[in-house]
Protein backbone atom coordinates (compact mmCIF):
# COMPACT_ATOMS: atom_id res chain seq x y z
CA MET A 1 74.75 8.77 40.22
CA THR A 2 71.46 8.65 38.42
CA ALA A 3 71.50 10.37 34.98
CA SER A 4 69.67 13.51 36.26
CA ALA A 5 72.25 14.27 39.00
CA ASP A 6 75.38 13.05 36.69
CA LYS A 7 73.98 15.99 34.11
CA LYS A 8 73.44 18.71 36.95
CA ALA A 9 76.71 17.78 38.24
CA ASN A 10 78.06 18.38 34.84
CA SER A 11 76.02 21.35 34.61
CA THR A 12 77.49 22.53 37.48
CA LYS A 13 81.25 22.13 36.56
CA LYS A 14 81.05 23.88 33.11
CA SER A 15 79.16 26.72 34.50
CA GLU A 16 81.97 27.45 37.64
CA THR A 17 84.75 27.01 34.50
CA ALA A 18 82.58 29.63 32.85
CA TYR A 19 82.49 31.76 36.02
CA GLU A 20 86.42 31.51 36.49
CA ALA A 21 87.21 31.65 32.60
CA LEU A 22 85.26 35.17 33.34
CA LEU A 23 87.55 36.13 35.89
CA LYS A 24 90.70 35.48 34.31
CA LYS A 25 89.62 37.75 31.81
CA SER A 26 88.75 40.85 33.88
CA PRO A 27 88.86 41.01 37.79
CA PHE A 28 86.12 43.55 37.23
CA ASN A 29 83.62 40.57 36.69
CA ALA A 30 83.59 39.48 39.94
CA MET A 31 81.80 42.40 41.38
CA TYR A 32 78.69 41.22 39.72
CA PRO A 33 76.42 38.05 41.04
CA ARG A 34 77.21 34.98 38.85
CA ILE A 35 73.69 34.72 37.29
CA ILE A 36 74.42 38.21 35.18
CA ALA A 37 78.27 38.58 35.53
CA GLU A 38 78.42 37.06 31.81
CA ALA A 39 75.77 39.74 30.72
CA ALA A 40 77.60 42.23 32.63
CA ALA A 41 80.91 41.37 31.41
CA GLU A 42 79.30 41.78 27.62
CA TYR A 43 77.89 44.98 28.34
CA PHE A 44 81.08 46.47 30.04
CA GLY A 45 83.17 45.39 26.94
CA GLU A 46 80.10 47.14 24.70
CA PHE A 47 80.21 50.28 27.16
CA ASN A 48 84.35 50.49 26.46
CA LYS A 49 84.20 51.03 22.99
CA LEU A 50 83.06 54.65 23.84
CA PHE A 51 86.85 55.12 24.15
CA ALA A 52 87.86 53.23 21.05
CA GLY A 53 88.09 56.67 19.29
CA LYS A 54 84.63 56.83 17.44
CA PRO A 55 82.57 59.08 17.97
CA ILE A 56 84.93 60.74 20.20
CA PRO A 57 88.95 60.48 19.95
CA THR A 58 89.96 58.00 22.81
CA LYS A 59 91.77 61.18 24.81
CA GLU A 60 89.07 63.23 24.66
CA ALA A 61 86.58 60.09 26.04
CA ARG A 62 88.95 59.75 28.96
CA LEU A 63 88.58 63.32 29.94
CA VAL A 64 85.08 63.90 29.62
CA ALA A 65 84.95 60.33 31.86
CA ILE A 66 87.46 62.18 34.23
CA SER A 67 85.03 65.69 34.74
CA ALA A 68 82.09 62.66 35.13
CA SER A 69 84.37 61.25 37.42
CA ALA A 70 85.15 64.53 39.45
CA ALA A 71 81.63 65.82 39.60
CA MET A 72 80.38 62.03 40.88
CA ARG A 73 83.33 62.08 43.23
CA CYS A 74 83.92 58.95 42.74
CA GLU A 75 87.67 57.80 43.85
CA TYR A 76 87.76 54.54 41.80
CA CYS A 77 86.26 56.40 38.51
CA ILE A 78 89.13 59.27 38.95
CA THR A 79 91.99 56.68 39.32
CA ALA A 80 90.75 54.61 36.73
CA GLN A 81 90.38 57.65 34.68
CA VAL A 82 93.46 59.39 34.91
CA ILE A 83 95.10 56.35 34.37
CA LEU A 84 93.72 55.42 31.17
CA ALA A 85 93.87 59.39 30.07
CA LYS A 86 97.81 59.37 30.48
CA LYS A 87 97.67 56.53 28.63
CA ALA A 88 95.97 57.94 25.49
CA GLY A 89 97.98 61.07 25.92
CA ALA A 90 96.52 63.03 28.17
CA THR A 91 98.90 65.77 30.01
CA ASP A 92 98.18 66.40 33.76
CA ASP A 93 97.41 70.23 32.04
CA GLU A 94 94.49 68.72 30.51
CA ILE A 95 93.14 66.43 33.15
CA LYS A 96 93.44 69.59 35.58
CA ALA A 97 91.37 71.62 32.98
CA ALA A 98 88.36 68.55 32.71
CA VAL A 99 88.71 68.53 36.67
CA GLN A 100 88.09 72.57 36.16
CA ILE A 101 85.45 71.97 33.62
CA ALA A 102 83.36 69.89 36.40
CA ALA A 103 84.18 72.11 39.23
CA GLU A 104 82.77 75.08 37.27
CA VAL A 105 79.88 73.14 35.77
CA ALA A 106 78.85 72.49 39.53
CA ARG A 107 79.27 76.11 40.39
CA PHE A 108 77.43 77.74 37.90
CA SER A 109 74.65 75.44 38.43
CA THR A 110 74.45 76.03 42.08
CA LEU A 111 74.48 79.48 41.53
CA LEU A 112 71.62 79.38 38.91
CA TYR A 113 69.82 77.04 40.82
CA GLY A 114 70.12 78.79 44.47
CA ASN A 115 68.97 82.26 42.72
CA GLU A 116 65.81 80.72 41.04
CA PHE A 117 67.20 82.12 37.73
CA GLY A 118 64.66 79.89 35.40
CA GLN A 119 64.94 78.25 32.04
CA GLU A 120 63.30 81.22 30.22
CA LYS A 121 65.70 83.87 31.51
CA LEU A 122 68.84 81.23 30.70
CA LYS A 123 67.79 80.64 27.54
CA ASN A 124 66.83 84.50 26.23
CA MET A 125 70.56 85.54 28.03
CA LEU A 126 72.13 82.92 25.49
CA ASN A 127 69.97 82.97 22.48
CA LYS A 128 71.28 86.57 22.60
CA SER A 129 74.59 86.04 23.09
CA GLN A 130 74.75 84.03 19.99
CA PRO A 131 75.80 85.97 16.72
CA ALA A 132 73.09 85.93 14.50
CA LYS A 133 72.46 83.83 11.82
CA LYS A 134 72.90 84.59 7.90
């Protein structure tokens, strides 16, 4: 083997070992093309900091994620977020409320949009319903 070929083989083996380690760290890493798997895994780790208790407490962050997952109709997200919310202490009733909130936001959005309610009319109504500032 030439020095160049030997170097390339070692690099490939090292890359393969690193990829296998990445897969052992989390099976979700297999979803990404190898060329970006390491960066994607790093981003996923950073993203998950949103569920670490700050700025929103973990349970509440998971309930938000359930609401978003329901609105997106993502069966994978719902499954994961419900399991993780329960691990964070969410009750079945809190989970149902998060789903109901998603449903109500979608319902009101459809009603407002379909009736061409308009942003100005909505803002005026909301401002009138607020108590006067002192």
